[in-house]
């Protein structure tokens, strides 16, 4: 294969609320952990075993603001992006982190997503819904 690919797809639950950092030039970064789990039955003991992996998620700018507004700890989310490795030195010790730089995100929990989107944002904004089939858009 001539090229390479760096793509990550995860479906998991937020382990914490989105932590935001805003920059002077109106850019922003949001960070939050996602937990993914898998279960199996131990053949020797018959016990169900669940393993959980934690992933460091990074979102930027408008997507970060959407995540901050609509996501909270425990929510299920689908993310797509790429792996990025970072290293820095802290107190003379080299530190490393692997992060998922997210480019696409879909909220899978519906507890407050549809409630918030169904409320008008101001007097001119129409009501919207995530499940609206028949909208008035000309395309």
N, C-alpha and C. Protein backbone atom coordinates (compact mmCIF):
# COMPACT_ATOMS: atom_id res chain seq x y z
N UNK A 1 0.85 -1.19 0.00
CA UNK A 1 0.00 0.00 0.00
C UNK A 1 0.89 1.24 0.00
N UNK A 2 0.61 2.16 -0.87
CA UNK A 2 1.46 3.34 -1.03
C UNK A 2 1.24 4.37 0.06
N UNK A 3 0.00 4.55 0.52
CA UNK A 3 -0.30 5.59 1.50
C UNK A 3 -0.47 5.02 2.89
N UNK A 4 -0.78 5.91 3.80
CA UNK A 4 -1.07 5.50 5.18
C UNK A 4 -2.39 6.12 5.59
N UNK A 5 -2.93 5.61 6.67
CA UNK A 5 -4.18 6.17 7.18
C UNK A 5 -4.12 6.22 8.70
N UNK A 6 -4.68 7.26 9.26
CA UNK A 6 -4.75 7.44 10.70
C UNK A 6 -6.20 7.83 11.00
N UNK A 7 -7.03 6.85 11.33
CA UNK A 7 -8.44 7.11 11.57
C UNK A 7 -8.91 6.32 12.78
N UNK A 8 -9.66 6.99 13.63
CA UNK A 8 -10.19 6.38 14.85
C UNK A 8 -11.70 6.59 14.86
N UNK A 9 -12.44 5.55 15.20
CA UNK A 9 -13.89 5.63 15.40
C UNK A 9 -14.17 5.02 16.77
N UNK A 10 -14.83 5.79 17.63
CA UNK A 10 -15.16 5.31 18.97
C UNK A 10 -16.62 5.60 19.29
N UNK A 11 -17.25 4.68 20.01
CA UNK A 11 -18.54 4.93 20.64
C UNK A 11 -18.33 4.62 22.10
N UNK A 12 -18.55 5.62 22.95
CA UNK A 12 -18.34 5.42 24.37
C UNK A 12 -19.06 6.46 25.20
N UNK A 13 -18.81 6.40 26.50
CA UNK A 13 -19.46 7.31 27.44
C UNK A 13 -18.45 8.29 28.01
N UNK A 14 -18.87 9.55 28.14
CA UNK A 14 -18.00 10.56 28.73
C UNK A 14 -17.71 10.23 30.18
N UNK A 15 -16.44 10.31 30.54
CA UNK A 15 -16.04 10.06 31.92
C UNK A 15 -16.03 11.31 32.75
N UNK A 16 -16.21 12.47 32.12
CA UNK A 16 -16.20 13.75 32.81
C UNK A 16 -16.83 14.79 31.89
N UNK A 17 -17.16 15.95 32.44
CA UNK A 17 -17.66 17.04 31.61
C UNK A 17 -16.54 17.57 30.73
N UNK A 18 -16.91 18.28 29.67
CA UNK A 18 -15.95 18.86 28.75
C UNK A 18 -15.23 20.02 29.44
N UNK A 19 -13.91 20.00 29.40
CA UNK A 19 -13.08 21.08 29.96
C UNK A 19 -12.62 21.95 28.80
N UNK A 20 -12.96 23.23 28.85
CA UNK A 20 -12.68 24.15 27.75
C UNK A 20 -11.50 25.05 28.06
N UNK A 21 -10.79 25.41 26.99
CA UNK A 21 -9.72 26.42 27.07
C UNK A 21 -9.92 27.35 25.89
N UNK A 22 -10.05 28.66 26.18
CA UNK A 22 -10.27 29.65 25.14
C UNK A 22 -8.99 30.44 24.92
N UNK A 23 -8.68 30.73 23.66
CA UNK A 23 -7.51 31.50 23.30
C UNK A 23 -7.93 32.92 22.93
N UNK A 24 -6.96 33.85 22.92
CA UNK A 24 -7.25 35.25 22.62
C UNK A 24 -7.81 35.45 21.22
N UNK A 25 -7.39 34.63 20.27
CA UNK A 25 -7.84 34.81 18.88
C UNK A 25 -9.15 34.08 18.58
N UNK A 26 -9.95 33.86 19.62
CA UNK A 26 -11.29 33.27 19.52
C UNK A 26 -11.28 31.79 19.16
N UNK A 27 -10.14 31.14 19.22
CA UNK A 27 -10.09 29.70 19.04
C UNK A 27 -10.30 29.04 20.39
N UNK A 28 -10.75 27.79 20.38
CA UNK A 28 -10.97 27.08 21.64
C UNK A 28 -10.65 25.60 21.47
N UNK A 29 -10.35 24.98 22.60
CA UNK A 29 -10.08 23.55 22.64
C UNK A 29 -10.88 22.96 23.80
N UNK A 30 -11.56 21.86 23.54
CA UNK A 30 -12.27 21.14 24.58
C UNK A 30 -11.65 19.76 24.75
N UNK A 31 -11.57 19.30 25.99
CA UNK A 31 -11.00 17.99 26.28
C UNK A 31 -11.93 17.22 27.21
N UNK A 32 -12.05 15.92 26.95
CA UNK A 32 -12.83 15.06 27.83
C UNK A 32 -12.44 13.60 27.58
N UNK A 33 -12.58 12.77 28.60
CA UNK A 33 -12.28 11.34 28.41
C UNK A 33 -13.53 10.57 27.99
N UNK A 34 -13.31 9.55 27.19
CA UNK A 34 -14.38 8.63 26.80
C UNK A 34 -13.97 7.23 27.25
N UNK A 35 -14.93 6.49 27.82
CA UNK A 35 -14.70 5.11 28.21
C UNK A 35 -15.36 4.18 27.21
N UNK A 36 -14.61 3.18 26.74
CA UNK A 36 -15.18 2.11 25.93
C UNK A 36 -14.97 0.81 26.70
N UNK A 37 -15.94 -0.07 26.64
CA UNK A 37 -15.87 -1.31 27.42
C UNK A 37 -16.18 -2.52 26.54
N UNK A 38 -15.60 -3.65 26.93
CA UNK A 38 -15.97 -4.91 26.31
C UNK A 38 -16.05 -5.97 27.40
N UNK A 39 -16.95 -6.92 27.19
CA UNK A 39 -17.18 -7.96 28.19
C UNK A 39 -16.97 -9.34 27.58
N UNK A 40 -16.53 -10.24 28.42
CA UNK A 40 -16.40 -11.64 28.02
C UNK A 40 -16.60 -12.50 29.26
N UNK A 41 -16.83 -13.79 29.04
CA UNK A 41 -17.00 -14.72 30.15
C UNK A 41 -15.73 -15.54 30.31
N UNK A 42 -15.17 -15.53 31.51
CA UNK A 42 -13.99 -16.31 31.82
C UNK A 42 -14.38 -17.79 31.77
N UNK A 43 -13.73 -18.55 30.89
CA UNK A 43 -14.12 -19.95 30.68
C UNK A 43 -13.81 -20.83 31.89
N UNK A 44 -12.81 -20.45 32.68
CA UNK A 44 -12.44 -21.26 33.84
C UNK A 44 -13.40 -21.04 35.01
N UNK A 45 -13.77 -19.77 35.24
CA UNK A 45 -14.62 -19.47 36.40
C UNK A 45 -16.08 -19.24 36.03
N UNK A 46 -16.36 -18.99 34.76
CA UNK A 46 -17.73 -18.69 34.34
C UNK A 46 -18.15 -17.27 34.69
N UNK A 47 -17.21 -16.49 35.22
CA UNK A 47 -17.49 -15.12 35.65
C UNK A 47 -17.45 -14.16 34.46
N UNK A 48 -18.38 -13.22 34.43
CA UNK A 48 -18.37 -12.20 33.39
C UNK A 48 -17.33 -11.14 33.75
N UNK A 49 -16.44 -10.86 32.80
CA UNK A 49 -15.36 -9.90 33.02
C UNK A 49 -15.54 -8.74 32.05
N UNK A 50 -15.48 -7.53 32.56
CA UNK A 50 -15.59 -6.33 31.74
C UNK A 50 -14.30 -5.54 31.83
N UNK A 51 -13.75 -5.18 30.68
CA UNK A 51 -12.56 -4.34 30.66
C UNK A 51 -12.93 -2.99 30.05
N UNK A 52 -12.38 -1.95 30.62
CA UNK A 52 -12.68 -0.60 30.16
C UNK A 52 -11.39 0.08 29.74
N UNK A 53 -11.42 0.72 28.58
CA UNK A 53 -10.30 1.53 28.10
C UNK A 53 -10.74 2.98 28.09
N UNK A 54 -9.79 3.86 28.45
CA UNK A 54 -10.05 5.30 28.48
C UNK A 54 -9.31 5.97 27.34
N UNK A 55 -9.98 6.91 26.70
CA UNK A 55 -9.43 7.62 25.54
C UNK A 55 -9.52 9.13 25.81
N UNK A 56 -8.43 9.83 25.56
CA UNK A 56 -8.39 11.28 25.72
C UNK A 56 -8.87 11.93 24.42
N UNK A 57 -9.97 12.67 24.51
CA UNK A 57 -10.61 13.27 23.34
C UNK A 57 -10.32 14.77 23.31
N UNK A 58 -10.00 15.27 22.10
CA UNK A 58 -9.74 16.70 21.90
C UNK A 58 -10.63 17.19 20.76
N UNK A 59 -11.38 18.25 21.02
CA UNK A 59 -12.22 18.89 20.00
C UNK A 59 -11.85 20.36 19.93
N UNK A 60 -12.04 20.97 18.78
CA UNK A 60 -11.60 22.35 18.59
C UNK A 60 -12.73 23.26 18.10
N UNK A 61 -12.61 24.51 18.46
CA UNK A 61 -13.44 25.61 17.97
C UNK A 61 -14.93 25.34 18.08
N UNK A 62 -15.68 25.42 16.98
CA UNK A 62 -17.14 25.31 17.03
C UNK A 62 -17.58 23.94 17.58
N UNK A 63 -16.91 22.88 17.16
CA UNK A 63 -17.25 21.55 17.67
C UNK A 63 -17.03 21.48 19.18
N UNK A 64 -15.98 22.13 19.67
CA UNK A 64 -15.71 22.15 21.11
C UNK A 64 -16.83 22.88 21.85
N UNK A 65 -17.30 23.97 21.29
CA UNK A 65 -18.38 24.73 21.93
C UNK A 65 -19.68 23.93 21.94
N UNK A 66 -19.95 23.18 20.88
CA UNK A 66 -21.14 22.33 20.84
C UNK A 66 -21.04 21.24 21.90
N UNK A 67 -19.86 20.62 22.00
CA UNK A 67 -19.66 19.58 23.01
C UNK A 67 -19.84 20.13 24.41
N UNK A 68 -19.29 21.31 24.67
CA UNK A 68 -19.43 21.92 26.00
C UNK A 68 -20.89 22.18 26.33
N UNK A 69 -21.65 22.63 25.34
CA UNK A 69 -23.04 23.01 25.57
C UNK A 69 -23.96 21.80 25.77
N UNK A 70 -23.74 20.73 25.01
CA UNK A 70 -24.70 19.64 24.99
C UNK A 70 -24.26 18.35 25.67
N UNK A 71 -22.96 18.17 25.92
CA UNK A 71 -22.49 16.92 26.50
C UNK A 71 -22.17 17.07 27.97
N UNK A 72 -22.41 16.00 28.72
CA UNK A 72 -22.03 15.98 30.12
C UNK A 72 -21.62 14.55 30.50
N UNK A 73 -21.02 14.43 31.66
CA UNK A 73 -20.52 13.15 32.14
C UNK A 73 -21.60 12.07 32.02
N UNK A 74 -21.22 10.92 31.45
CA UNK A 74 -22.14 9.80 31.31
C UNK A 74 -22.80 9.71 29.94
N UNK A 75 -22.82 10.80 29.19
CA UNK A 75 -23.47 10.78 27.87
C UNK A 75 -22.73 9.85 26.91
N UNK A 76 -23.50 9.20 26.04
CA UNK A 76 -22.92 8.33 25.01
C UNK A 76 -22.69 9.18 23.75
N UNK A 77 -21.52 8.96 23.12
CA UNK A 77 -21.16 9.76 21.97
C UNK A 77 -20.39 8.91 20.96
N UNK A 78 -20.57 9.25 19.69
CA UNK A 78 -19.82 8.66 18.58
C UNK A 78 -18.82 9.71 18.12
N UNK A 79 -17.54 9.37 18.03
CA UNK A 79 -16.53 10.32 17.56
C UNK A 79 -15.68 9.67 16.47
N UNK A 80 -15.26 10.50 15.53
CA UNK A 80 -14.32 10.11 14.48
C UNK A 80 -13.19 11.11 14.50
N UNK A 81 -11.98 10.63 14.27
CA UNK A 81 -10.85 11.53 14.22
C UNK A 81 -9.57 10.77 13.94
N UNK A 82 -8.45 11.33 14.43
CA UNK A 82 -7.16 10.70 14.23
C UNK A 82 -6.37 10.72 15.52
N UNK A 83 -5.46 9.77 15.65
CA UNK A 83 -4.59 9.71 16.83
C UNK A 83 -3.48 10.73 16.69
N UNK A 84 -3.16 11.36 17.81
CA UNK A 84 -2.06 12.34 17.86
C UNK A 84 -1.30 12.08 19.14
N UNK A 85 0.02 11.95 19.04
CA UNK A 85 0.87 11.76 20.21
C UNK A 85 1.51 13.09 20.58
N UNK A 86 1.51 13.40 21.87
CA UNK A 86 2.14 14.61 22.38
C UNK A 86 3.19 14.22 23.40
N UNK A 87 4.22 15.05 23.50
CA UNK A 87 5.20 14.87 24.58
C UNK A 87 5.62 16.24 25.09
N UNK A 88 5.89 16.31 26.39
CA UNK A 88 6.33 17.54 27.03
C UNK A 88 7.16 17.16 28.24
N UNK A 89 7.84 18.15 28.79
CA UNK A 89 8.65 17.90 29.97
C UNK A 89 8.05 18.66 31.14
N UNK A 90 7.90 17.97 32.27
CA UNK A 90 7.33 18.57 33.47
C UNK A 90 8.20 18.17 34.65
N UNK A 91 8.77 19.15 35.32
CA UNK A 91 9.66 18.91 36.46
C UNK A 91 10.80 17.96 36.10
N UNK A 92 11.34 18.13 34.88
CA UNK A 92 12.47 17.32 34.45
C UNK A 92 12.10 15.91 33.99
N UNK A 93 10.81 15.60 33.96
CA UNK A 93 10.35 14.27 33.55
C UNK A 93 9.60 14.39 32.22
N UNK A 94 9.97 13.55 31.25
CA UNK A 94 9.25 13.55 29.98
C UNK A 94 7.89 12.88 30.17
N UNK A 95 6.86 13.55 29.69
CA UNK A 95 5.49 13.04 29.75
C UNK A 95 4.98 12.80 28.33
N UNK A 96 4.13 11.80 28.20
CA UNK A 96 3.57 11.44 26.89
C UNK A 96 2.06 11.28 27.01
N UNK A 97 1.38 11.62 25.93
CA UNK A 97 -0.08 11.41 25.89
C UNK A 97 -0.48 11.08 24.46
N UNK A 98 -1.41 10.16 24.33
CA UNK A 98 -2.03 9.86 23.04
C UNK A 98 -3.46 10.37 23.10
N UNK A 99 -3.83 11.19 22.12
CA UNK A 99 -5.15 11.81 22.10
C UNK A 99 -5.85 11.49 20.79
N UNK A 100 -7.17 11.56 20.82
CA UNK A 100 -7.97 11.44 19.61
C UNK A 100 -8.40 12.85 19.23
N UNK A 101 -7.86 13.36 18.12
CA UNK A 101 -8.23 14.68 17.60
C UNK A 101 -9.50 14.48 16.77
N UNK A 102 -10.64 14.92 17.31
CA UNK A 102 -11.94 14.62 16.72
C UNK A 102 -12.29 15.62 15.61
N UNK A 103 -12.78 15.07 14.49
CA UNK A 103 -13.26 15.89 13.38
C UNK A 103 -14.77 15.77 13.20
N UNK A 104 -15.37 14.66 13.67
CA UNK A 104 -16.81 14.45 13.57
C UNK A 104 -17.32 13.87 14.87
N UNK A 105 -18.51 14.31 15.29
CA UNK A 105 -19.08 13.85 16.55
C UNK A 105 -20.59 13.76 16.40
N UNK A 106 -21.17 12.69 16.96
CA UNK A 106 -22.62 12.53 17.00
C UNK A 106 -23.02 12.19 18.42
N UNK A 107 -23.97 12.94 18.96
CA UNK A 107 -24.47 12.67 20.30
C UNK A 107 -25.46 11.50 20.23
N UNK A 108 -25.26 10.50 21.05
CA UNK A 108 -26.13 9.32 21.03
C UNK A 108 -27.08 9.29 22.21
N UNK A 109 -26.81 10.06 23.26
CA UNK A 109 -27.75 10.18 24.39
C UNK A 109 -28.80 11.19 24.00
N UNK A 110 -30.05 10.92 24.34
CA UNK A 110 -31.09 11.87 23.95
C UNK A 110 -31.76 12.53 25.14
N UNK A 111 -31.21 12.41 26.33
CA UNK A 111 -31.89 12.93 27.52
C UNK A 111 -32.10 14.43 27.48
N UNK A 112 -31.09 15.21 27.08
CA UNK A 112 -31.29 16.65 27.04
C UNK A 112 -31.04 17.24 25.67
N UNK A 113 -30.52 16.45 24.74
CA UNK A 113 -30.24 16.97 23.41
C UNK A 113 -31.51 17.46 22.73
N UNK A 114 -32.56 16.62 22.70
CA UNK A 114 -33.78 17.03 22.04
C UNK A 114 -34.53 18.07 22.84
N UNK A 115 -34.44 18.01 24.18
CA UNK A 115 -35.10 19.04 24.99
C UNK A 115 -34.53 20.41 24.67
N UNK A 116 -33.20 20.51 24.63
CA UNK A 116 -32.55 21.80 24.39
C UNK A 116 -32.82 22.28 22.98
N UNK A 117 -32.76 21.38 22.00
CA UNK A 117 -32.94 21.79 20.61
C UNK A 117 -34.39 22.12 20.29
N UNK A 118 -35.34 21.60 21.06
CA UNK A 118 -36.74 21.90 20.81
C UNK A 118 -37.17 23.24 21.38
N UNK A 119 -36.35 23.85 22.21
CA UNK A 119 -36.68 25.16 22.76
C UNK A 119 -36.18 26.24 21.82
N UNK A 120 -37.01 27.26 21.52
CA UNK A 120 -36.56 28.34 20.65
C UNK A 120 -35.40 29.08 21.30
N UNK A 121 -34.37 29.40 20.51
CA UNK A 121 -33.21 30.12 21.02
C UNK A 121 -33.52 31.60 21.18
N UNK A 122 -34.36 32.16 20.30
CA UNK A 122 -34.84 33.54 20.44
C UNK A 122 -36.18 33.64 19.73
N UNK A 123 -36.75 34.81 19.67
CA UNK A 123 -38.10 34.94 19.15
C UNK A 123 -38.21 34.64 17.66
N UNK A 124 -37.11 34.74 16.91
CA UNK A 124 -37.17 34.49 15.47
C UNK A 124 -36.79 33.07 15.10
N UNK A 125 -36.12 32.37 15.98
CA UNK A 125 -35.65 31.02 15.66
C UNK A 125 -36.80 30.02 15.69
N UNK A 126 -36.92 29.20 14.63
CA UNK A 126 -37.96 28.18 14.63
C UNK A 126 -37.56 27.02 15.53
N UNK A 127 -38.56 26.24 15.94
CA UNK A 127 -38.27 25.05 16.72
C UNK A 127 -37.57 24.04 15.83
N UNK A 128 -36.57 23.36 16.39
CA UNK A 128 -35.87 22.33 15.64
C UNK A 128 -35.87 21.05 16.44
N UNK A 129 -35.69 19.96 15.75
CA UNK A 129 -35.65 18.66 16.41
C UNK A 129 -34.65 17.78 15.71
N UNK A 130 -33.98 16.93 16.47
CA UNK A 130 -33.04 15.99 15.87
C UNK A 130 -33.74 14.93 15.03
N UNK A 131 -35.00 14.68 15.32
CA UNK A 131 -35.72 13.62 14.62
C UNK A 131 -36.75 14.16 13.64
N UNK A 132 -36.69 15.43 13.31
CA UNK A 132 -37.66 16.02 12.41
C UNK A 132 -37.50 15.46 11.01
N UNK A 133 -38.54 14.85 10.48
CA UNK A 133 -38.51 14.26 9.14
C UNK A 133 -38.90 15.29 8.10
N UNK A 134 -39.93 16.07 8.38
CA UNK A 134 -40.49 16.98 7.39
C UNK A 134 -40.14 18.41 7.78
N UNK A 135 -39.09 18.95 7.19
CA UNK A 135 -38.74 20.33 7.47
C UNK A 135 -39.12 21.19 6.28
N UNK A 136 -39.02 22.48 6.41
CA UNK A 136 -39.42 23.40 5.35
C UNK A 136 -38.25 23.86 4.51
N UNK A 137 -37.14 23.15 4.50
CA UNK A 137 -35.98 23.54 3.74
C UNK A 137 -36.24 23.24 2.25
N UNK A 138 -35.79 24.14 1.37
CA UNK A 138 -36.06 23.94 -0.07
C UNK A 138 -35.17 22.90 -0.72
N UNK A 139 -34.29 22.27 0.02
CA UNK A 139 -33.39 21.27 -0.59
C UNK A 139 -33.34 20.01 0.23
